[in-house]
């Protein structure tokens, strides 16, 4: 009976140690203020629909503003609820506040895969363009569509309150 008790205490200690190590790994991964940042992001109201230039989109990279936006195939999505992926410390944080189309199409997470000027994607092949469309559909299903990414010189659309409240999956 004493041996079983010792085994049980040992297993309990091992389980507690494993839980503690997982907690430490999670705490350091989310970074200082990571949990606070996610709570702040969850409290944000739904964004009113508008269009963005590349320069305007860059403001929403999760570092200067808790809201995180990215563009895929000319459409801008609010990915704030996925901040652990798209936030500054996330594995896809490179896409935050940017046009992620080329990086997603080529499966490349290097900053070199993203353009600082408007990218018309005209040099992508058919398979890569199909990949961009598939990514766009996935983002439409999971995140709020908040507007279009403007081409240079293009004027933003004027959205009515009625258009703004429509379900984002029915847009475009």
N, C-alpha and C. Protein backbone atom coordinates (compact mmCIF):
# COMPACT_ATOMS: atom_id res chain seq x y z
N UNK A 1 0.83 -1.19 0.00
CA UNK A 1 0.00 0.00 0.00
C UNK A 1 0.87 1.25 0.00
N UNK A 2 1.99 1.20 0.72
CA UNK A 2 2.89 2.36 0.77
C UNK A 2 3.53 2.63 -0.58
N UNK A 3 3.81 1.57 -1.33
CA UNK A 3 4.41 1.72 -2.66
C UNK A 3 3.46 2.39 -3.64
N UNK A 4 2.15 2.01 -3.55
CA UNK A 4 1.14 2.61 -4.42
C UNK A 4 0.99 4.10 -4.11
N UNK A 5 1.04 4.42 -2.82
CA UNK A 5 0.91 5.82 -2.40
C UNK A 5 2.09 6.63 -2.93
N UNK A 6 3.29 6.08 -2.83
CA UNK A 6 4.48 6.76 -3.32
C UNK A 6 4.41 6.96 -4.83
N UNK A 7 3.92 5.95 -5.54
CA UNK A 7 3.76 6.03 -6.99
C UNK A 7 2.75 7.13 -7.35
N UNK A 8 1.64 7.17 -6.64
CA UNK A 8 0.60 8.19 -6.89
C UNK A 8 1.14 9.60 -6.66
N UNK A 9 1.86 9.79 -5.57
CA UNK A 9 2.44 11.11 -5.27
C UNK A 9 3.47 11.47 -6.36
N UNK A 10 4.26 10.52 -6.78
CA UNK A 10 5.25 10.76 -7.82
C UNK A 10 4.59 11.15 -9.14
N UNK A 11 3.52 10.43 -9.52
CA UNK A 11 2.80 10.75 -10.76
C UNK A 11 2.15 12.14 -10.67
N UNK A 12 1.60 12.46 -9.52
CA UNK A 12 0.99 13.78 -9.32
C UNK A 12 2.04 14.88 -9.47
N UNK A 13 3.21 14.67 -8.86
CA UNK A 13 4.28 15.66 -8.96
C UNK A 13 4.74 15.82 -10.41
N UNK A 14 4.83 14.72 -11.14
CA UNK A 14 5.23 14.75 -12.54
C UNK A 14 4.20 15.52 -13.37
N UNK A 15 2.91 15.26 -13.11
CA UNK A 15 1.84 15.96 -13.83
C UNK A 15 1.88 17.46 -13.55
N UNK A 16 2.09 17.83 -12.29
CA UNK A 16 2.17 19.25 -11.93
C UNK A 16 3.37 19.93 -12.60
N UNK A 17 4.50 19.23 -12.64
CA UNK A 17 5.69 19.77 -13.28
C UNK A 17 5.44 19.99 -14.78
N UNK A 18 4.81 19.02 -15.43
CA UNK A 18 4.50 19.14 -16.86
C UNK A 18 3.55 20.31 -17.10
N UNK A 19 2.53 20.46 -16.26
CA UNK A 19 1.58 21.56 -16.40
C UNK A 19 2.28 22.91 -16.22
N UNK A 20 3.18 22.98 -15.25
CA UNK A 20 3.92 24.21 -15.00
C UNK A 20 4.81 24.57 -16.20
N UNK A 21 5.47 23.59 -16.78
CA UNK A 21 6.34 23.84 -17.94
C UNK A 21 5.52 24.29 -19.14
N UNK A 22 4.35 23.69 -19.35
CA UNK A 22 3.47 24.13 -20.43
C UNK A 22 3.03 25.58 -20.21
N UNK A 23 2.70 25.91 -18.97
CA UNK A 23 2.30 27.27 -18.63
C UNK A 23 3.43 28.25 -18.95
N UNK A 24 4.65 27.91 -18.55
CA UNK A 24 5.80 28.78 -18.81
C UNK A 24 6.01 28.96 -20.32
N UNK A 25 5.89 27.91 -21.07
CA UNK A 25 6.07 27.99 -22.52
C UNK A 25 5.00 28.89 -23.13
N UNK A 26 3.75 28.73 -22.69
CA UNK A 26 2.66 29.56 -23.21
C UNK A 26 2.86 31.02 -22.81
N UNK A 27 3.25 31.26 -21.57
CA UNK A 27 3.41 32.63 -21.07
C UNK A 27 4.51 33.37 -21.83
N UNK A 28 5.62 32.70 -22.13
CA UNK A 28 6.70 33.37 -22.84
C UNK A 28 6.35 33.54 -24.31
N UNK A 29 5.59 32.63 -24.88
CA UNK A 29 5.21 32.73 -26.29
C UNK A 29 4.28 33.91 -26.52
N UNK A 30 3.35 34.13 -25.58
CA UNK A 30 2.42 35.24 -25.77
C UNK A 30 3.08 36.57 -25.46
N UNK A 31 4.26 36.54 -24.88
CA UNK A 31 5.04 37.76 -24.66
C UNK A 31 4.47 38.64 -23.57
N UNK A 32 5.21 39.70 -23.21
CA UNK A 32 4.73 40.59 -22.17
C UNK A 32 3.45 41.29 -22.64
N UNK A 33 2.43 41.18 -21.83
CA UNK A 33 1.15 41.82 -22.17
C UNK A 33 0.37 41.06 -23.22
N UNK A 34 0.79 39.86 -23.59
CA UNK A 34 0.10 39.09 -24.63
C UNK A 34 -1.35 38.80 -24.28
N UNK A 35 -1.60 38.37 -23.06
CA UNK A 35 -2.98 38.08 -22.64
C UNK A 35 -3.79 39.36 -22.59
N UNK A 36 -3.18 40.44 -22.12
CA UNK A 36 -3.88 41.73 -22.07
C UNK A 36 -4.20 42.20 -23.48
N UNK A 37 -3.26 41.99 -24.41
CA UNK A 37 -3.48 42.40 -25.79
C UNK A 37 -4.64 41.62 -26.40
N UNK A 38 -4.72 40.31 -26.12
CA UNK A 38 -5.82 39.51 -26.65
C UNK A 38 -7.14 39.94 -26.05
N UNK A 39 -7.16 40.27 -24.74
CA UNK A 39 -8.39 40.74 -24.11
C UNK A 39 -8.83 42.07 -24.70
N UNK A 40 -7.87 42.94 -24.94
CA UNK A 40 -8.14 44.24 -25.54
C UNK A 40 -8.71 44.06 -26.95
N UNK A 41 -8.14 43.13 -27.71
CA UNK A 41 -8.60 42.87 -29.07
C UNK A 41 -10.02 42.33 -29.08
N UNK A 42 -10.33 41.45 -28.13
CA UNK A 42 -11.67 40.85 -28.07
C UNK A 42 -12.73 41.90 -27.74
N UNK A 43 -12.33 42.97 -27.06
CA UNK A 43 -13.28 44.01 -26.66
C UNK A 43 -13.53 45.03 -27.77
N UNK A 44 -12.80 44.95 -28.87
CA UNK A 44 -12.97 45.92 -29.95
C UNK A 44 -14.32 45.73 -30.64
N UNK A 45 -14.99 46.84 -30.97
CA UNK A 45 -16.24 46.71 -31.72
C UNK A 45 -15.95 46.28 -33.15
N UNK A 46 -16.97 45.77 -33.82
CA UNK A 46 -16.81 45.38 -35.22
C UNK A 46 -16.44 46.62 -36.03
N UNK A 47 -15.48 46.48 -36.91
CA UNK A 47 -14.98 47.62 -37.68
C UNK A 47 -15.96 48.00 -38.79
N UNK A 48 -16.17 49.30 -38.94
CA UNK A 48 -17.01 49.79 -40.04
C UNK A 48 -16.29 49.52 -41.36
N UNK A 49 -17.08 49.19 -42.38
CA UNK A 49 -16.51 48.87 -43.68
C UNK A 49 -15.90 50.11 -44.31
N UNK A 50 -14.69 49.95 -44.85
CA UNK A 50 -13.99 51.01 -45.56
C UNK A 50 -12.91 50.39 -46.42
N UNK A 51 -12.37 51.17 -47.33
CA UNK A 51 -11.30 50.69 -48.19
C UNK A 51 -9.97 51.26 -47.70
N UNK A 52 -8.88 50.58 -48.05
CA UNK A 52 -7.56 50.92 -47.51
C UNK A 52 -6.52 51.03 -48.61
N UNK A 53 -5.67 52.04 -48.49
CA UNK A 53 -4.45 52.06 -49.30
C UNK A 53 -3.45 51.17 -48.56
N UNK A 54 -2.37 50.81 -49.21
CA UNK A 54 -1.34 50.01 -48.54
C UNK A 54 -0.82 50.73 -47.30
N UNK A 55 -0.63 52.04 -47.43
CA UNK A 55 -0.12 52.84 -46.31
C UNK A 55 -1.09 52.81 -45.12
N UNK A 56 -2.39 52.92 -45.40
CA UNK A 56 -3.39 52.88 -44.33
C UNK A 56 -3.44 51.49 -43.69
N UNK A 57 -3.30 50.46 -44.50
CA UNK A 57 -3.34 49.08 -44.01
C UNK A 57 -2.21 48.82 -43.02
N UNK A 58 -1.04 49.41 -43.26
CA UNK A 58 0.14 49.17 -42.42
C UNK A 58 -0.06 49.60 -40.96
N UNK A 59 -0.99 50.53 -40.74
CA UNK A 59 -1.28 50.99 -39.38
C UNK A 59 -1.87 49.88 -38.51
N UNK A 60 -2.42 48.84 -39.15
CA UNK A 60 -3.12 47.78 -38.43
C UNK A 60 -2.29 46.50 -38.37
N UNK A 61 -1.05 46.65 -37.89
CA UNK A 61 -0.14 45.49 -37.82
C UNK A 61 -0.09 44.85 -36.44
N UNK A 62 -0.93 45.36 -35.51
CA UNK A 62 -0.98 44.78 -34.17
C UNK A 62 0.02 45.36 -33.20
N UNK A 63 0.95 46.18 -33.67
CA UNK A 63 1.92 46.76 -32.74
C UNK A 63 1.51 48.16 -32.30
N UNK A 64 1.03 48.96 -33.23
CA UNK A 64 0.61 50.33 -32.90
C UNK A 64 -0.86 50.41 -32.54
N UNK A 65 -1.61 49.44 -32.99
CA UNK A 65 -3.06 49.42 -32.84
C UNK A 65 -3.43 47.97 -32.50
N UNK A 66 -4.34 47.74 -31.55
CA UNK A 66 -4.67 46.35 -31.21
C UNK A 66 -5.37 45.60 -32.35
N UNK A 67 -5.98 46.34 -33.28
CA UNK A 67 -6.67 45.69 -34.40
C UNK A 67 -5.64 45.25 -35.44
N UNK A 68 -5.84 44.04 -35.98
CA UNK A 68 -4.92 43.49 -36.96
C UNK A 68 -5.69 43.21 -38.25
N UNK A 69 -5.22 43.81 -39.34
CA UNK A 69 -5.83 43.61 -40.65
C UNK A 69 -4.78 43.05 -41.60
N UNK A 70 -5.25 42.30 -42.60
CA UNK A 70 -4.39 41.91 -43.70
C UNK A 70 -5.24 41.78 -44.95
N UNK A 71 -4.59 41.87 -46.10
CA UNK A 71 -5.29 41.78 -47.38
C UNK A 71 -4.94 40.47 -48.07
N UNK A 72 -5.94 39.90 -48.73
CA UNK A 72 -5.75 38.71 -49.55
C UNK A 72 -6.55 38.94 -50.83
N UNK A 73 -5.86 38.92 -51.96
CA UNK A 73 -6.52 39.05 -53.26
C UNK A 73 -7.38 40.31 -53.36
N UNK A 74 -6.88 41.41 -52.84
CA UNK A 74 -7.58 42.68 -52.95
C UNK A 74 -8.66 42.93 -51.91
N UNK A 75 -8.84 42.00 -50.99
CA UNK A 75 -9.85 42.15 -49.94
C UNK A 75 -9.15 42.23 -48.58
N UNK A 76 -9.67 43.11 -47.73
CA UNK A 76 -9.07 43.32 -46.41
C UNK A 76 -9.91 42.62 -45.36
N UNK A 77 -9.25 41.86 -44.49
CA UNK A 77 -9.90 41.10 -43.44
C UNK A 77 -9.39 41.53 -42.07
N UNK A 78 -10.30 41.54 -41.10
CA UNK A 78 -9.94 41.82 -39.71
C UNK A 78 -9.60 40.48 -39.06
N UNK A 79 -8.32 40.25 -38.82
CA UNK A 79 -7.86 38.97 -38.26
C UNK A 79 -7.49 39.12 -36.78
N UNK A 80 -8.03 40.16 -36.15
CA UNK A 80 -7.69 40.45 -34.75
C UNK A 80 -7.96 39.25 -33.85
N UNK A 81 -9.06 38.54 -34.08
CA UNK A 81 -9.36 37.40 -33.21
C UNK A 81 -8.34 36.27 -33.38
N UNK A 82 -7.54 36.33 -34.41
CA UNK A 82 -6.45 35.37 -34.60
C UNK A 82 -5.10 35.98 -34.25
N UNK A 83 -5.10 36.90 -33.26
CA UNK A 83 -3.87 37.64 -32.94
C UNK A 83 -2.72 36.74 -32.51
N UNK A 84 -3.01 35.58 -31.96
CA UNK A 84 -1.89 34.70 -31.58
C UNK A 84 -1.17 34.16 -32.82
N UNK A 85 -1.83 34.21 -33.98
CA UNK A 85 -1.19 33.81 -35.23
C UNK A 85 -0.64 35.01 -36.00
N UNK A 86 -1.44 36.11 -36.05
CA UNK A 86 -1.10 37.25 -36.90
C UNK A 86 -0.55 38.44 -36.13
N UNK A 87 -0.49 38.35 -34.81
CA UNK A 87 0.05 39.44 -34.00
C UNK A 87 1.56 39.53 -34.14
N UNK A 88 2.18 40.54 -33.53
CA UNK A 88 3.62 40.75 -33.66
C UNK A 88 4.47 39.54 -33.29
N UNK A 89 4.03 38.75 -32.34
CA UNK A 89 4.80 37.57 -31.91
C UNK A 89 4.34 36.28 -32.59
N UNK A 90 3.30 36.37 -33.42
CA UNK A 90 2.73 35.17 -34.03
C UNK A 90 3.53 34.65 -35.21
N UNK A 91 3.32 33.38 -35.56
CA UNK A 91 4.08 32.78 -36.66
C UNK A 91 3.79 33.41 -38.02
N UNK A 92 2.62 34.06 -38.17
CA UNK A 92 2.27 34.72 -39.42
C UNK A 92 2.20 36.23 -39.24
N UNK A 93 2.86 36.75 -38.21
CA UNK A 93 2.86 38.17 -37.92
C UNK A 93 3.41 39.01 -39.05
N UNK A 94 4.21 38.42 -39.92
CA UNK A 94 4.78 39.14 -41.07
C UNK A 94 3.69 39.65 -42.00
N UNK A 95 2.52 39.00 -41.99
CA UNK A 95 1.42 39.40 -42.87
C UNK A 95 0.57 40.53 -42.30
N UNK A 96 0.69 40.81 -41.01
CA UNK A 96 -0.16 41.81 -40.36
C UNK A 96 0.07 43.19 -40.95
N UNK A 97 -1.02 43.86 -41.31
CA UNK A 97 -0.94 45.19 -41.88
C UNK A 97 -0.39 45.21 -43.30
N UNK A 98 -0.42 44.08 -43.97
CA UNK A 98 0.18 43.96 -45.32
C UNK A 98 -0.76 43.22 -46.26
N UNK A 99 -0.38 43.20 -47.53
CA UNK A 99 -1.04 42.36 -48.52
C UNK A 99 -0.33 41.01 -48.45
N UNK A 100 -1.02 40.02 -47.94
CA UNK A 100 -0.41 38.70 -47.71
C UNK A 100 -0.51 37.79 -48.93
N UNK A 101 -1.12 38.24 -50.01
CA UNK A 101 -1.42 37.39 -51.17
C UNK A 101 -0.21 36.63 -51.70
N UNK A 102 0.87 37.34 -51.99
CA UNK A 102 2.05 36.70 -52.58
C UNK A 102 2.66 35.68 -51.62
N UNK A 103 2.79 36.03 -50.35
CA UNK A 103 3.34 35.10 -49.37
C UNK A 103 2.51 33.84 -49.24
N UNK A 104 1.17 34.00 -49.24
CA UNK A 104 0.29 32.84 -49.14
C UNK A 104 0.35 32.00 -50.42
N UNK A 105 0.39 32.65 -51.57
CA UNK A 105 0.41 31.94 -52.86
C UNK A 105 1.67 31.12 -53.03
N UNK A 106 2.79 31.64 -52.51
CA UNK A 106 4.08 30.97 -52.70
C UNK A 106 4.52 30.20 -51.45
N UNK A 107 3.68 30.19 -50.43
CA UNK A 107 3.98 29.52 -49.16
C UNK A 107 5.32 30.02 -48.59
N UNK A 108 5.53 31.32 -48.68
CA UNK A 108 6.78 31.91 -48.22
C UNK A 108 6.50 32.90 -47.10
N UNK A 109 7.19 32.72 -45.97
CA UNK A 109 7.01 33.60 -44.82
C UNK A 109 8.16 34.60 -44.68
N UNK A 110 8.95 34.76 -45.72
CA UNK A 110 10.04 35.73 -45.69
C UNK A 110 9.52 37.11 -46.05
N UNK A 111 10.10 38.13 -45.43
CA UNK A 111 9.70 39.51 -45.73
C UNK A 111 9.94 39.82 -47.21
N UNK A 112 10.91 39.16 -47.82
CA UNK A 112 11.21 39.37 -49.24
C UNK A 112 10.05 38.97 -50.14
N UNK A 113 9.18 38.09 -49.65
CA UNK A 113 8.05 37.63 -50.46
C UNK A 113 6.93 38.67 -50.52
N UNK A 114 7.01 39.70 -49.67
CA UNK A 114 5.97 40.72 -49.64
C UNK A 114 6.48 41.99 -50.29
N UNK A 115 5.59 42.67 -50.97
CA UNK A 115 5.96 43.91 -51.66
C UNK A 115 5.55 45.12 -50.84
N UNK A 116 6.35 46.17 -50.92
CA UNK A 116 6.02 47.42 -50.24
C UNK A 116 5.14 48.33 -51.09
N UNK A 117 5.07 48.03 -52.39
CA UNK A 117 4.17 48.78 -53.26
C UNK A 117 3.02 47.84 -53.67
N UNK A 118 1.99 48.40 -54.31
CA UNK A 118 0.84 47.59 -54.71
C UNK A 118 1.31 46.44 -55.59
N UNK A 119 0.82 45.26 -55.31
CA UNK A 119 1.22 44.04 -56.02
C UNK A 119 0.02 43.50 -56.80
N UNK A 120 0.10 43.57 -58.14
CA UNK A 120 -1.03 43.09 -58.95
C UNK A 120 -1.01 41.58 -59.16
N UNK A 121 0.02 40.91 -58.67
CA UNK A 121 0.15 39.44 -58.72
C UNK A 121 0.20 38.89 -60.14
N UNK A 122 0.44 39.76 -61.13
CA UNK A 122 0.37 39.34 -62.54
C UNK A 122 1.44 38.31 -62.92
N UNK A 123 2.50 38.20 -62.12
CA UNK A 123 3.55 37.24 -62.46
C UNK A 123 3.34 35.87 -61.81
N UNK A 124 2.27 35.71 -61.04
CA UNK A 124 2.01 34.40 -60.43
C UNK A 124 1.44 33.45 -61.47
N UNK A 125 1.75 32.16 -61.34
CA UNK A 125 1.22 31.18 -62.29
C UNK A 125 -0.20 30.76 -61.87
N UNK A 126 -0.84 29.95 -62.67
CA UNK A 126 -2.24 29.56 -62.44
C UNK A 126 -2.43 28.83 -61.11
N UNK A 127 -1.49 27.97 -60.76
CA UNK A 127 -1.58 27.23 -59.50
C UNK A 127 -1.48 28.18 -58.31
N UNK A 128 -0.57 29.14 -58.39
CA UNK A 128 -0.41 30.12 -57.32
C UNK A 128 -1.64 31.02 -57.20
N UNK A 129 -2.22 31.42 -58.33
CA UNK A 129 -3.44 32.25 -58.29
C UNK A 129 -4.61 31.47 -57.69
N UNK A 130 -4.70 30.20 -58.01
CA UNK A 130 -5.76 29.37 -57.42
C UNK A 130 -5.55 29.27 -55.91
N UNK A 131 -4.30 29.17 -55.49
CA UNK A 131 -3.99 29.13 -54.06
C UNK A 131 -4.43 30.42 -53.38
N UNK A 132 -4.18 31.58 -54.03
CA UNK A 132 -4.62 32.86 -53.46
C UNK A 132 -6.14 32.88 -53.30
N UNK A 133 -6.87 32.38 -54.31
CA UNK A 133 -8.35 32.36 -54.23
C UNK A 133 -8.83 31.44 -53.11
N UNK A 134 -8.14 30.32 -52.94
CA UNK A 134 -8.51 29.40 -51.85
C UNK A 134 -8.26 30.04 -50.49
N UNK A 135 -7.14 30.74 -50.34
CA UNK A 135 -6.86 31.46 -49.09
C UNK A 135 -7.92 32.52 -48.84
N UNK A 136 -8.30 33.24 -49.90
CA UNK A 136 -9.33 34.27 -49.77
C UNK A 136 -10.63 33.66 -49.23
N UNK A 137 -11.01 32.52 -49.77
CA UNK A 137 -12.25 31.85 -49.31
C UNK A 137 -12.13 31.44 -47.84
N UNK A 138 -10.97 30.96 -47.44
CA UNK A 138 -10.77 30.57 -46.04
C UNK A 138 -10.87 31.78 -45.12
N UNK A 139 -10.29 32.90 -45.53
CA UNK A 139 -10.37 34.12 -44.71
C UNK A 139 -11.81 34.62 -44.65
N UNK A 140 -12.55 34.53 -45.77
CA UNK A 140 -13.95 34.97 -45.78
C UNK A 140 -14.79 34.17 -44.80
N UNK A 141 -14.49 32.88 -44.68
CA UNK A 141 -15.25 32.02 -43.76
C UNK A 141 -14.92 32.29 -42.30
N UNK A 142 -13.68 32.65 -42.03
CA UNK A 142 -13.23 32.73 -40.64
C UNK A 142 -13.21 34.15 -40.06
N UNK A 143 -12.94 35.15 -40.89
CA UNK A 143 -12.73 36.51 -40.40
C UNK A 143 -13.70 37.50 -41.07
N UNK A 144 -13.82 38.68 -40.45
CA UNK A 144 -14.68 39.73 -41.00
C UNK A 144 -14.02 40.40 -42.19
N UNK A 145 -14.78 40.50 -43.28
CA UNK A 145 -14.36 41.27 -44.44
C UNK A 145 -14.63 42.74 -44.11
N UNK A 146 -13.62 43.60 -44.20
CA UNK A 146 -13.82 45.00 -43.81
C UNK A 146 -13.66 45.98 -44.96
N UNK A 147 -13.26 45.55 -46.13
CA UNK A 147 -13.15 46.46 -47.27
C UNK A 147 -12.17 45.96 -48.31
N UNK A 148 -11.88 46.83 -49.25
CA UNK A 148 -10.98 46.49 -50.35
C UNK A 148 -9.61 47.12 -50.16
N UNK A 149 -8.60 46.52 -50.77
CA UNK A 149 -7.28 47.11 -50.84
C UNK A 149 -7.25 47.92 -52.13
N UNK A 150 -7.00 49.22 -52.01
CA UNK A 150 -7.05 50.12 -53.16
C UNK A 150 -5.79 50.04 -54.01
N UNK A 151 -5.99 50.09 -55.32
CA UNK A 151 -4.87 50.21 -56.25
C UNK A 151 -4.41 51.66 -56.20
N UNK A 152 -3.18 51.95 -56.58
CA UNK A 152 -2.72 53.35 -56.57
C UNK A 152 -3.64 54.23 -57.43
N UNK A 153 -4.06 55.35 -56.85
CA UNK A 153 -4.93 56.28 -57.57
C UNK A 153 -6.41 55.94 -57.51
N UNK A 154 -6.75 54.78 -57.01
CA UNK A 154 -8.16 54.37 -56.93
C UNK A 154 -8.82 55.05 -55.73
N UNK A 155 -10.06 55.48 -55.93
CA UNK A 155 -10.81 56.15 -54.88
C UNK A 155 -11.54 55.12 -54.02
N UNK A 156 -11.63 55.37 -52.70
CA UNK A 156 -12.37 54.43 -51.84
C UNK A 156 -13.87 54.51 -52.10
N UNK A 157 -14.55 53.41 -51.86
CA UNK A 157 -16.01 53.36 -51.99
C UNK A 157 -16.64 54.03 -50.78
N UNK A 158 -17.84 54.52 -50.95
CA UNK A 158 -18.63 55.04 -49.83
C UNK A 158 -19.59 53.92 -49.43
N UNK A 159 -19.46 53.41 -48.23
CA UNK A 159 -20.32 52.33 -47.77
C UNK A 159 -21.44 52.90 -46.91
N UNK A 160 -22.64 52.39 -47.13
CA UNK A 160 -23.78 52.82 -46.31
C UNK A 160 -23.80 51.99 -45.04
N UNK A 161 -24.55 52.44 -44.04
CA UNK A 161 -24.69 51.66 -42.81
C UNK A 161 -25.31 50.31 -43.10
N UNK A 162 -26.23 50.25 -44.08
CA UNK A 162 -26.88 48.99 -44.44
C UNK A 162 -25.86 48.00 -44.98
N UNK A 163 -24.98 48.47 -45.88
CA UNK A 163 -23.93 47.59 -46.41
C UNK A 163 -22.98 47.16 -45.30
N UNK A 164 -22.75 48.07 -44.37
CA UNK A 164 -21.82 47.80 -43.29
C UNK A 164 -22.30 46.70 -42.36
N UNK A 165 -23.61 46.56 -42.20
CA UNK A 165 -24.14 45.57 -41.27
C UNK A 165 -24.44 44.23 -41.94
N UNK A 166 -24.34 44.16 -43.27
CA UNK A 166 -24.58 42.87 -43.96
C UNK A 166 -23.55 41.85 -43.50
N UNK A 167 -23.96 40.60 -43.57
CA UNK A 167 -23.02 39.52 -43.23
C UNK A 167 -21.84 39.57 -44.20
N UNK A 168 -20.64 39.58 -43.66
CA UNK A 168 -19.44 39.73 -44.50
C UNK A 168 -19.28 38.60 -45.50
N UNK A 169 -19.85 37.44 -45.27
CA UNK A 169 -19.68 36.31 -46.20
C UNK A 169 -20.49 36.52 -47.47
N UNK A 170 -21.42 37.45 -47.45
CA UNK A 170 -22.24 37.70 -48.64
C UNK A 170 -21.64 38.79 -49.52
N UNK A 171 -20.54 39.35 -49.08
CA UNK A 171 -19.91 40.44 -49.84
C UNK A 171 -19.01 39.88 -50.93
N UNK A 172 -19.08 40.50 -52.07
CA UNK A 172 -18.24 40.20 -53.25
C UNK A 172 -18.12 38.74 -53.53
